[in-house]
PDB file of all heavy atoms in Angstrom:
ATOM      1  N   ILE A   1    -208.832 -19.386  37.209  1.00  0.00           N
ATOM      2  CA  ILE A   1    -209.464 -18.696  38.480  1.00  0.00           C
ATOM      3  C   ILE A   1    -210.567 -19.577  38.982  1.00  0.00           C
ATOM      4  O   ILE A   1    -210.691 -19.828  40.256  1.00  0.00           O
ATOM      5  CB  ILE A   1    -209.891 -17.317  38.176  1.00  0.00           C
ATOM      6  CG1 ILE A   1    -208.618 -16.418  37.876  1.00  0.00           C
ATOM      7  CG2 ILE A   1    -210.687 -16.722  39.284  1.00  0.00           C
ATOM      8  CD1 ILE A   1    -209.029 -15.015  37.323  1.00  0.00           C
ATOM      9  N   SER A   2    -211.456 -20.046  38.177  1.00  0.00           N
ATOM     10  CA  SER A   2    -212.578 -20.909  38.528  1.00  0.00           C
ATOM     11  C   SER A   2    -212.023 -22.230  39.137  1.00  0.00           C
ATOM     12  O   SER A   2    -212.540 -22.647  40.217  1.00  0.00           O
ATOM     13  CB  SER A   2    -213.450 -21.270  37.435  1.00  0.00           C
ATOM     14  OG  SER A   2    -213.994 -19.926  36.863  1.00  0.00           O
ATOM     15  N   PHE A   3    -211.010 -22.798  38.459  1.00  0.00           N
ATOM     16  CA  PHE A   3    -210.532 -24.117  38.972  1.00  0.00           C
ATOM     17  C   PHE A   3    -209.891 -23.922  40.381  1.00  0.00           C
ATOM     18  O   PHE A   3    -210.071 -24.738  41.256  1.00  0.00           O
ATOM     19  CB  PHE A   3    -209.352 -24.591  38.003  1.00  0.00           C
ATOM     20  CG  PHE A   3    -208.800 -25.842  38.412  1.00  0.00           C
ATOM     21  CD1 PHE A   3    -209.468 -27.139  38.199  1.00  0.00           C
ATOM     22  CD2 PHE A   3    -207.591 -25.925  38.998  1.00  0.00           C
ATOM     23  CE1 PHE A   3    -208.959 -28.230  38.623  1.00  0.00           C
ATOM     24  CE2 PHE A   3    -206.976 -27.047  39.347  1.00  0.00           C
ATOM     25  CZ  PHE A   3    -207.673 -28.294  39.227  1.00  0.00           C
ATOM     26  N   GLY A   4    -209.217 -22.777  40.524  1.00  0.00           N
ATOM     27  CA  GLY A   4    -208.568 -22.556  41.819  1.00  0.00           C
ATOM     28  C   GLY A   4    -209.611 -22.375  42.900  1.00  0.00           C
ATOM     29  O   GLY A   4    -209.406 -22.768  44.107  1.00  0.00           O
ATOM     30  N   SER A   5    -210.685 -21.584  42.662  1.00  0.00           N
ATOM     31  CA  SER A   5    -211.733 -21.269  43.558  1.00  0.00           C
ATOM     32  C   SER A   5    -212.502 -22.539  43.988  1.00  0.00           C
ATOM     33  O   SER A   5    -212.725 -22.784  45.223  1.00  0.00           O
ATOM     34  CB  SER A   5    -212.706 -20.330  42.969  1.00  0.00           C
ATOM     35  OG  SER A   5    -212.047 -19.134  42.582  1.00  0.00           O
ATOM     36  N   VAL A   6    -212.775 -23.493  42.975  1.00  0.00           N
ATOM     37  CA  VAL A   6    -213.483 -24.709  43.304  1.00  0.00           C
ATOM     38  C   VAL A   6    -212.642 -25.638  44.097  1.00  0.00           C
ATOM     39  O   VAL A   6    -212.982 -26.260  44.965  1.00  0.00           O
ATOM     40  CB  VAL A   6    -213.960 -25.356  41.995  1.00  0.00           C
ATOM     41  CG1 VAL A   6    -214.494 -26.788  42.254  1.00  0.00           C
ATOM     42  CG2 VAL A   6    -215.006 -24.513  41.285  1.00  0.00           C
ATOM     43  N   SER A   7    -211.269 -25.654  43.745  1.00  0.00           N
ATOM     44  CA  SER A   7    -210.341 -26.517  44.440  1.00  0.00           C
ATOM     45  C   SER A   7    -210.140 -26.295  45.903  1.00  0.00           C
ATOM     46  O   SER A   7    -209.838 -27.060  46.736  1.00  0.00           O
ATOM     47  CB  SER A   7    -209.053 -26.552  43.783  1.00  0.00           C
ATOM     48  OG  SER A   7    -209.161 -26.919  42.478  1.00  0.00           O
ATOM     49  N   THR A   8    -210.377 -25.011  46.255  1.00  0.00           N
ATOM     50  CA  THR A   8    -210.415 -24.606  47.703  1.00  0.00           C
ATOM     51  C   THR A   8    -211.340 -25.343  48.552  1.00  0.00           C
ATOM     52  O   THR A   8    -211.154 -25.555  49.720  1.00  0.00           O
ATOM     53  CB  THR A   8    -210.532 -23.068  47.867  1.00  0.00           C
ATOM     54  OG1 THR A   8    -211.738 -22.708  47.397  1.00  0.00           O
ATOM     55  CG2 THR A   8    -209.316 -22.314  47.166  1.00  0.00           C
ATOM     56  N   ALA A   9    -212.457 -25.787  47.928  1.00  0.00           N
ATOM     57  CA  ALA A   9    -213.524 -26.489  48.676  1.00  0.00           C
ATOM     58  C   ALA A   9    -212.953 -27.941  48.959  1.00  0.00           C
ATOM     59  O   ALA A   9    -213.485 -28.498  49.872  1.00  0.00           O
ATOM     60  CB  ALA A   9    -214.756 -26.653  47.755  1.00  0.00           C
ATOM     61  N   PHE A  10    -211.944 -28.367  48.266  1.00  0.00           N
ATOM     62  CA  PHE A  10    -211.324 -29.697  48.648  1.00  0.00           C
ATOM     63  C   PHE A  10    -210.090 -29.533  49.531  1.00  0.00           C
ATOM     64  O   PHE A  10    -209.379 -30.509  49.670  1.00  0.00           O
ATOM     65  CB  PHE A  10    -210.901 -30.349  47.314  1.00  0.00           C
ATOM     66  CG  PHE A  10    -212.135 -30.677  46.370  1.00  0.00           C
ATOM     67  CD1 PHE A  10    -212.488 -29.803  45.421  1.00  0.00           C
ATOM     68  CD2 PHE A  10    -212.773 -31.885  46.515  1.00  0.00           C
ATOM     69  CE1 PHE A  10    -213.451 -30.121  44.588  1.00  0.00           C
ATOM     70  CE2 PHE A  10    -213.864 -32.133  45.615  1.00  0.00           C
ATOM     71  CZ  PHE A  10    -214.217 -31.216  44.658  1.00  0.00           C
ATOM     72  N   GLY A  11    -209.811 -28.330  50.004  1.00  0.00           N
ATOM     73  CA  GLY A  11    -208.760 -28.213  50.950  1.00  0.00           C
ATOM     74  C   GLY A  11    -207.434 -27.869  50.303  1.00  0.00           C
ATOM     75  O   GLY A  11    -206.462 -27.940  50.942  1.00  0.00           O
ATOM     76  N   ILE A  12    -207.516 -27.669  48.954  1.00  0.00           N
ATOM     77  CA  ILE A  12    -206.207 -27.285  48.288  1.00  0.00           C
ATOM     78  C   ILE A  12    -206.040 -25.781  48.235  1.00  0.00           C
ATOM     79  O   ILE A  12    -206.944 -25.049  47.910  1.00  0.00           O
ATOM     80  CB  ILE A  12    -206.305 -27.908  46.784  1.00  0.00           C
ATOM     81  CG1 ILE A  12    -206.540 -29.453  46.917  1.00  0.00           C
ATOM     82  CG2 ILE A  12    -205.007 -27.587  46.037  1.00  0.00           C
ATOM     83  CD1 ILE A  12    -206.605 -30.015  45.478  1.00  0.00           C
ATOM     84  N   PRO A  13    -204.875 -25.179  48.578  1.00  0.00           N
ATOM     85  CA  PRO A  13    -204.632 -23.824  48.492  1.00  0.00           C
ATOM     86  C   PRO A  13    -204.907 -23.327  47.136  1.00  0.00           C
ATOM     87  O   PRO A  13    -204.521 -23.991  46.107  1.00  0.00           O
ATOM     88  CB  PRO A  13    -203.101 -23.735  49.013  1.00  0.00           C
ATOM     89  CG  PRO A  13    -202.883 -24.880  49.848  1.00  0.00           C
ATOM     90  CD  PRO A  13    -203.736 -25.986  49.206  1.00  0.00           C
ATOM     91  N   TYR A  14    -205.400 -22.145  47.034  1.00  0.00           N
ATOM     92  CA  TYR A  14    -205.717 -21.572  45.695  1.00  0.00           C
ATOM     93  C   TYR A  14    -204.494 -21.484  44.740  1.00  0.00           C
ATOM     94  O   TYR A  14    -204.636 -21.862  43.611  1.00  0.00           O
ATOM     95  CB  TYR A  14    -206.302 -20.169  45.879  1.00  0.00           C
ATOM     96  CG  TYR A  14    -206.575 -19.373  44.698  1.00  0.00           C
ATOM     97  CD1 TYR A  14    -207.905 -19.589  44.055  1.00  0.00           C
ATOM     98  CD2 TYR A  14    -205.733 -18.523  44.010  1.00  0.00           C
ATOM     99  CE1 TYR A  14    -208.131 -18.841  42.765  1.00  0.00           C
ATOM    100  CE2 TYR A  14    -205.952 -17.766  42.918  1.00  0.00           C
ATOM    101  CZ  TYR A  14    -207.256 -17.996  42.272  1.00  0.00           C
ATOM    102  OH  TYR A  14    -207.497 -17.331  41.172  1.00  0.00           O
ATOM    103  N   ASP A  15    -203.406 -21.051  45.177  1.00  0.00           N
ATOM    104  CA  ASP A  15    -202.198 -20.866  44.289  1.00  0.00           C
ATOM    105  C   ASP A  15    -201.722 -22.176  43.784  1.00  0.00           C
ATOM    106  O   ASP A  15    -201.395 -22.414  42.665  1.00  0.00           O
ATOM    107  CB  ASP A  15    -201.098 -20.191  44.997  1.00  0.00           C
ATOM    108  CG  ASP A  15    -201.410 -18.817  45.456  1.00  0.00           C
ATOM    109  OD1 ASP A  15    -202.303 -18.172  44.801  1.00  0.00           O
ATOM    110  OD2 ASP A  15    -200.786 -18.213  46.328  1.00  0.00           O
ATOM    111  N   ILE A  16    -201.713 -23.286  44.732  1.00  0.00           N
ATOM    112  CA  ILE A  16    -201.310 -24.537  44.302  1.00  0.00           C
ATOM    113  C   ILE A  16    -202.228 -25.068  43.321  1.00  0.00           C
ATOM    114  O   ILE A  16    -201.886 -25.781  42.338  1.00  0.00           O
ATOM    115  CB  ILE A  16    -201.135 -25.441  45.573  1.00  0.00           C
ATOM    116  CG1 ILE A  16    -200.071 -24.936  46.455  1.00  0.00           C
ATOM    117  CG2 ILE A  16    -200.869 -26.902  45.148  1.00  0.00           C
ATOM    118  CD1 ILE A  16    -199.926 -25.692  47.726  1.00  0.00           C
ATOM    119  N   ALA A  17    -203.558 -24.942  43.500  1.00  0.00           N
ATOM    120  CA  ALA A  17    -204.495 -25.473  42.556  1.00  0.00           C
ATOM    121  C   ALA A  17    -204.387 -24.915  41.132  1.00  0.00           C
ATOM    122  O   ALA A  17    -204.510 -25.617  40.180  1.00  0.00           O
ATOM    123  CB  ALA A  17    -205.966 -25.180  43.146  1.00  0.00           C
ATOM    124  N   VAL A  18    -204.126 -23.634  41.022  1.00  0.00           N
ATOM    125  CA  VAL A  18    -203.932 -22.904  39.754  1.00  0.00           C
ATOM    126  C   VAL A  18    -202.668 -23.613  39.071  1.00  0.00           C
ATOM    127  O   VAL A  18    -202.678 -23.919  37.946  1.00  0.00           O
ATOM    128  CB  VAL A  18    -203.766 -21.414  39.969  1.00  0.00           C
ATOM    129  CG1 VAL A  18    -203.332 -20.793  38.678  1.00  0.00           C
ATOM    130  CG2 VAL A  18    -205.081 -20.888  40.435  1.00  0.00           C
ATOM    131  N   ILE A  19    -201.651 -23.805  39.825  1.00  0.00           N
ATOM    132  CA  ILE A  19    -200.415 -24.393  39.287  1.00  0.00           C
ATOM    133  C   ILE A  19    -200.648 -25.819  38.749  1.00  0.00           C
ATOM    134  O   ILE A  19    -200.254 -26.132  37.650  1.00  0.00           O
ATOM    135  CB  ILE A  19    -199.207 -24.372  40.316  1.00  0.00           C
ATOM    136  CG1 ILE A  19    -198.823 -22.920  40.664  1.00  0.00           C
ATOM    137  CG2 ILE A  19    -198.072 -25.217  39.769  1.00  0.00           C
ATOM    138  CD1 ILE A  19    -197.850 -22.852  41.710  1.00  0.00           C
ATOM    139  N   ILE A  20    -201.460 -26.538  39.548  1.00  0.00           N
ATOM    140  CA  ILE A  20    -201.835 -27.881  39.136  1.00  0.00           C
ATOM    141  C   ILE A  20    -202.614 -27.823  37.884  1.00  0.00           C
ATOM    142  O   ILE A  20    -202.454 -28.651  36.925  1.00  0.00           O
ATOM    143  CB  ILE A  20    -202.609 -28.608  40.267  1.00  0.00           C
ATOM    144  CG1 ILE A  20    -201.717 -28.932  41.432  1.00  0.00           C
ATOM    145  CG2 ILE A  20    -203.200 -29.919  39.785  1.00  0.00           C
ATOM    146  CD1 ILE A  20    -202.346 -29.423  42.670  1.00  0.00           C
ATOM    147  N   GLY A  21    -203.552 -26.929  37.771  1.00  0.00           N
ATOM    148  CA  GLY A  21    -204.392 -26.769  36.571  1.00  0.00           C
ATOM    149  C   GLY A  21    -203.566 -26.427  35.343  1.00  0.00           C
ATOM    150  O   GLY A  21    -203.787 -27.039  34.306  1.00  0.00           O
ATOM    151  N   VAL A  22    -202.600 -25.573  35.513  1.00  0.00           N
ATOM    152  CA  VAL A  22    -201.723 -25.272  34.396  1.00  0.00           C
ATOM    153  C   VAL A  22    -200.960 -26.384  33.967  1.00  0.00           C
ATOM    154  O   VAL A  22    -200.855 -26.736  32.611  1.00  0.00           O
ATOM    155  CB  VAL A  22    -200.821 -24.087  34.767  1.00  0.00           C
ATOM    156  CG1 VAL A  22    -199.736 -23.808  33.679  1.00  0.00           C
ATOM    157  CG2 VAL A  22    -201.614 -22.804  34.951  1.00  0.00           C
ATOM    158  N   ILE A  23    -200.353 -27.145  34.889  1.00  0.00           N
ATOM    159  CA  ILE A  23    -199.528 -28.379  34.482  1.00  0.00           C
ATOM    160  C   ILE A  23    -200.419 -29.400  33.788  1.00  0.00           C
ATOM    161  O   ILE A  23    -199.991 -29.857  32.736  1.00  0.00           O
ATOM    162  CB  ILE A  23    -198.915 -28.894  35.836  1.00  0.00           C
ATOM    163  CG1 ILE A  23    -197.873 -28.026  36.324  1.00  0.00           C
ATOM    164  CG2 ILE A  23    -198.290 -30.292  35.445  1.00  0.00           C
ATOM    165  CD1 ILE A  23    -197.314 -28.455  37.653  1.00  0.00           C
ATOM    166  N   VAL A  24    -201.591 -29.680  34.276  1.00  0.00           N
ATOM    167  CA  VAL A  24    -202.476 -30.713  33.659  1.00  0.00           C
ATOM    168  C   VAL A  24    -202.832 -30.262  32.171  1.00  0.00           C
ATOM    169  O   VAL A  24    -202.780 -31.040  31.292  1.00  0.00           O
ATOM    170  CB  VAL A  24    -203.767 -30.962  34.493  1.00  0.00           C
ATOM    171  CG1 VAL A  24    -204.655 -31.884  33.755  1.00  0.00           C
ATOM    172  CG2 VAL A  24    -203.315 -31.518  35.791  1.00  0.00           C
ATOM    173  N   ILE A  25    -203.180 -29.021  32.058  1.00  0.00           N
ATOM    174  CA  ILE A  25    -203.579 -28.474  30.759  1.00  0.00           C
ATOM    175  C   ILE A  25    -202.493 -28.624  29.791  1.00  0.00           C
ATOM    176  O   ILE A  25    -202.647 -28.962  28.563  1.00  0.00           O
ATOM    177  CB  ILE A  25    -204.128 -27.014  30.854  1.00  0.00           C
ATOM    178  CG1 ILE A  25    -205.445 -26.951  31.570  1.00  0.00           C
ATOM    179  CG2 ILE A  25    -204.235 -26.408  29.485  1.00  0.00           C
ATOM    180  CD1 ILE A  25    -205.902 -25.555  31.959  1.00  0.00           C
ATOM    181  N   ILE A  26    -201.278 -28.182  30.196  1.00  0.00           N
ATOM    182  CA  ILE A  26    -200.075 -28.176  29.303  1.00  0.00           C
ATOM    183  C   ILE A  26    -199.862 -29.654  28.902  1.00  0.00           C
ATOM    184  O   ILE A  26    -199.570 -29.971  27.688  1.00  0.00           O
ATOM    185  CB  ILE A  26    -198.904 -27.651  30.005  1.00  0.00           C
ATOM    186  CG1 ILE A  26    -199.046 -26.092  30.168  1.00  0.00           C
ATOM    187  CG2 ILE A  26    -197.593 -27.908  29.234  1.00  0.00           C
ATOM    188  CD1 ILE A  26    -197.893 -25.439  30.912  1.00  0.00           C
ATOM    189  N   ILE A  27    -199.909 -30.603  29.777  1.00  0.00           N
ATOM    190  CA  ILE A  27    -199.552 -32.027  29.426  1.00  0.00           C
ATOM    191  C   ILE A  27    -200.531 -32.613  28.405  1.00  0.00           C
ATOM    192  O   ILE A  27    -200.075 -33.071  27.421  1.00  0.00           O
ATOM    193  CB  ILE A  27    -199.673 -32.890  30.726  1.00  0.00           C
ATOM    194  CG1 ILE A  27    -198.464 -32.523  31.613  1.00  0.00           C
ATOM    195  CG2 ILE A  27    -199.610 -34.381  30.370  1.00  0.00           C
ATOM    196  CD1 ILE A  27    -198.503 -33.254  33.035  1.00  0.00           C
ATOM    197  N   TYR A  28    -201.925 -32.434  28.635  1.00  0.00           N
ATOM    198  CA  TYR A  28    -202.785 -33.200  27.670  1.00  0.00           C
ATOM    199  C   TYR A  28    -202.932 -32.335  26.425  1.00  0.00           C
ATOM    200  O   TYR A  28    -203.195 -32.917  25.318  1.00  0.00           O
ATOM    201  CB  TYR A  28    -204.106 -33.435  28.334  1.00  0.00           C
ATOM    202  CG  TYR A  28    -205.128 -32.327  28.566  1.00  0.00           C
ATOM    203  CD1 TYR A  28    -205.796 -31.798  27.399  1.00  0.00           C
ATOM    204  CD2 TYR A  28    -205.389 -31.853  29.808  1.00  0.00           C
ATOM    205  CE1 TYR A  28    -206.690 -30.736  27.600  1.00  0.00           C
ATOM    206  CE2 TYR A  28    -206.263 -30.852  29.930  1.00  0.00           C
ATOM    207  CZ  TYR A  28    -207.038 -30.271  28.905  1.00  0.00           C
ATOM    208  OH  TYR A  28    -207.944 -29.328  29.005  1.00  0.00           O
ATOM    209  N   THR A  29    -202.573 -30.957  26.402  1.00  0.00           N
ATOM    210  CA  THR A  29    -202.680 -30.270  25.250  1.00  0.00           C
ATOM    211  C   THR A  29    -201.375 -30.539  24.360  1.00  0.00           C
ATOM    212  O   THR A  29    -201.453 -30.654  23.228  1.00  0.00           O
ATOM    213  CB  THR A  29    -202.751 -28.748  25.490  1.00  0.00           C
ATOM    214  OG1 THR A  29    -204.001 -28.487  26.330  1.00  0.00           O
ATOM    215  CG2 THR A  29    -202.899 -28.009  24.237  1.00  0.00           C
ATOM    216  N   TYR A  30    -200.340 -30.602  25.006  1.00  0.00           N
ATOM    217  CA  TYR A  30    -199.032 -30.753  24.282  1.00  0.00           C
ATOM    218  C   TYR A  30    -198.913 -32.157  23.750  1.00  0.00           C
ATOM    219  O   TYR A  30    -198.329 -32.313  22.618  1.00  0.00           O
ATOM    220  CB  TYR A  30    -197.819 -30.534  25.350  1.00  0.00           C
ATOM    221  CG  TYR A  30    -196.515 -30.684  24.632  1.00  0.00           C
ATOM    222  CD1 TYR A  30    -195.907 -29.650  23.827  1.00  0.00           C
ATOM    223  CD2 TYR A  30    -195.739 -31.833  24.899  1.00  0.00           C
ATOM    224  CE1 TYR A  30    -194.604 -29.879  23.276  1.00  0.00           C
ATOM    225  CE2 TYR A  30    -194.510 -31.961  24.330  1.00  0.00           C
ATOM    226  CZ  TYR A  30    -193.982 -31.134  23.518  1.00  0.00           C
ATOM    227  OH  TYR A  30    -192.749 -31.294  22.953  1.00  0.00           O
ATOM    228  N   THR A  31    -199.369 -33.081  24.409  1.00  0.00           N
ATOM    229  CA  THR A  31    -199.211 -34.517  23.864  1.00  0.00           C
ATOM    230  C   THR A  31    -200.152 -34.822  22.766  1.00  0.00           C
ATOM    231  O   THR A  31    -199.786 -35.561  21.870  1.00  0.00           O
ATOM    232  CB  THR A  31    -199.392 -35.480  24.987  1.00  0.00           C
ATOM    233  OG1 THR A  31    -200.706 -35.177  25.675  1.00  0.00           O
ATOM    234  CG2 THR A  31    -198.295 -35.377  26.072  1.00  0.00           C
ATOM    235  N   SER A  32    -201.393 -34.389  22.873  1.00  0.00           N
ATOM    236  CA  SER A  32    -202.427 -34.747  21.866  1.00  0.00           C
ATOM    237  C   SER A  32    -203.113 -33.697  21.094  1.00  0.00           C
ATOM    238  O   SER A  32    -203.918 -33.903  20.248  1.00  0.00           O
ATOM    239  CB  SER A  32    -203.516 -35.616  22.624  1.00  0.00           C
ATOM    240  OG  SER A  32    -204.062 -34.847  23.606  1.00  0.00           O
ATOM    241  N   GLY A  33    -202.831 -32.461  21.359  1.00  0.00           N
ATOM    242  CA  GLY A  33    -203.410 -31.258  20.596  1.00  0.00           C
ATOM    243  C   GLY A  33    -204.888 -31.266  20.723  1.00  0.00           C
ATOM    244  O   GLY A  33    -205.474 -31.439  21.672  1.00  0.00           O
ATOM    245  N   MET A  34    -205.458 -30.984  19.507  1.00  0.00           N
ATOM    246  CA  MET A  34    -206.905 -30.805  19.449  1.00  0.00           C
ATOM    247  C   MET A  34    -207.730 -32.073  19.900  1.00  0.00           C
ATOM    248  O   MET A  34    -208.710 -31.987  20.418  1.00  0.00           O
ATOM    249  CB  MET A  34    -207.324 -30.432  18.074  1.00  0.00           C
ATOM    250  CG  MET A  34    -208.877 -30.124  17.973  1.00  0.00           C
ATOM    251  SD  MET A  34    -209.579 -29.032  19.148  1.00  0.00           S
ATOM    252  CE  MET A  34    -208.867 -27.476  18.553  1.00  0.00           C
ATOM    253  N   TRP A  35    -207.023 -33.247  19.654  1.00  0.00           N
ATOM    254  CA  TRP A  35    -207.795 -34.451  19.955  1.00  0.00           C
ATOM    255  C   TRP A  35    -207.923 -34.483  21.554  1.00  0.00           C
ATOM    256  O   TRP A  35    -209.097 -34.824  22.141  1.00  0.00           O
ATOM    257  CB  TRP A  35    -206.985 -35.696  19.541  1.00  0.00           C
ATOM    258  CG  TRP A  35    -207.266 -36.128  18.105  1.00  0.00           C
ATOM    259  CD1 TRP A  35    -206.386 -36.007  17.036  1.00  0.00           C
ATOM    260  CD2 TRP A  35    -208.465 -36.711  17.618  1.00  0.00           C
ATOM    261  NE1 TRP A  35    -207.040 -36.514  15.882  1.00  0.00           N
ATOM    262  CE2 TRP A  35    -208.216 -36.856  16.310  1.00  0.00           C
ATOM    263  CE3 TRP A  35    -209.704 -37.099  18.193  1.00  0.00           C
ATOM    264  CZ2 TRP A  35    -209.265 -37.545  15.442  1.00  0.00           C
ATOM    265  CZ3 TRP A  35    -210.632 -37.641  17.416  1.00  0.00           C
ATOM    266  CH2 TRP A  35    -210.452 -37.965  16.107  1.00  0.00           C
ATOM    267  N   GLY A  36    -206.918 -34.211  22.309  1.00  0.00           N
ATOM    268  CA  GLY A  36    -207.009 -34.229  23.715  1.00  0.00           C
ATOM    269  C   GLY A  36    -207.922 -33.192  24.244  1.00  0.00           C
ATOM    270  O   GLY A  36    -208.793 -33.437  25.164  1.00  0.00           O
ATOM    271  N   VAL A  37    -207.873 -31.995  23.672  1.00  0.00           N
ATOM    272  CA  VAL A  37    -208.732 -30.879  24.058  1.00  0.00           C
ATOM    273  C   VAL A  37    -210.213 -31.244  23.843  1.00  0.00           C
ATOM    274  O   VAL A  37    -211.089 -31.072  24.607  1.00  0.00           O
ATOM    275  CB  VAL A  37    -208.363 -29.644  23.360  1.00  0.00           C
ATOM    276  CG1 VAL A  37    -209.413 -28.481  23.597  1.00  0.00           C
ATOM    277  CG2 VAL A  37    -207.018 -29.075  23.749  1.00  0.00           C
ATOM    278  N   ALA A  38    -210.522 -31.865  22.622  1.00  0.00           N
ATOM    279  CA  ALA A  38    -211.917 -32.127  22.298  1.00  0.00           C
ATOM    280  C   ALA A  38    -212.433 -33.296  23.194  1.00  0.00           C
ATOM    281  O   ALA A  38    -213.581 -33.056  23.639  1.00  0.00           O
ATOM    282  CB  ALA A  38    -211.977 -32.519  20.791  1.00  0.00           C
ATOM    283  N   VAL A  39    -211.657 -34.349  23.260  1.00  0.00           N
ATOM    284  CA  VAL A  39    -212.177 -35.513  24.092  1.00  0.00           C
ATOM    285  C   VAL A  39    -212.309 -35.114  25.607  1.00  0.00           C
ATOM    286  O   VAL A  39    -213.330 -35.376  26.220  1.00  0.00           O
ATOM    287  CB  VAL A  39    -211.320 -36.641  23.968  1.00  0.00           C
ATOM    288  CG1 VAL A  39    -211.777 -37.794  24.869  1.00  0.00           C
ATOM    289  CG2 VAL A  39    -211.334 -37.112  22.472  1.00  0.00           C
TER     290      VAL A  39
END
């Protein structure tokens, strides 16, 4: 929700921003686990 709210300041629609956030989180979490999350 915070990511979507902040992204609207960059001209990105709220719903699209949330979807982008979910995709990015899934990619770096799925590929590297705790290492990716921690770094």
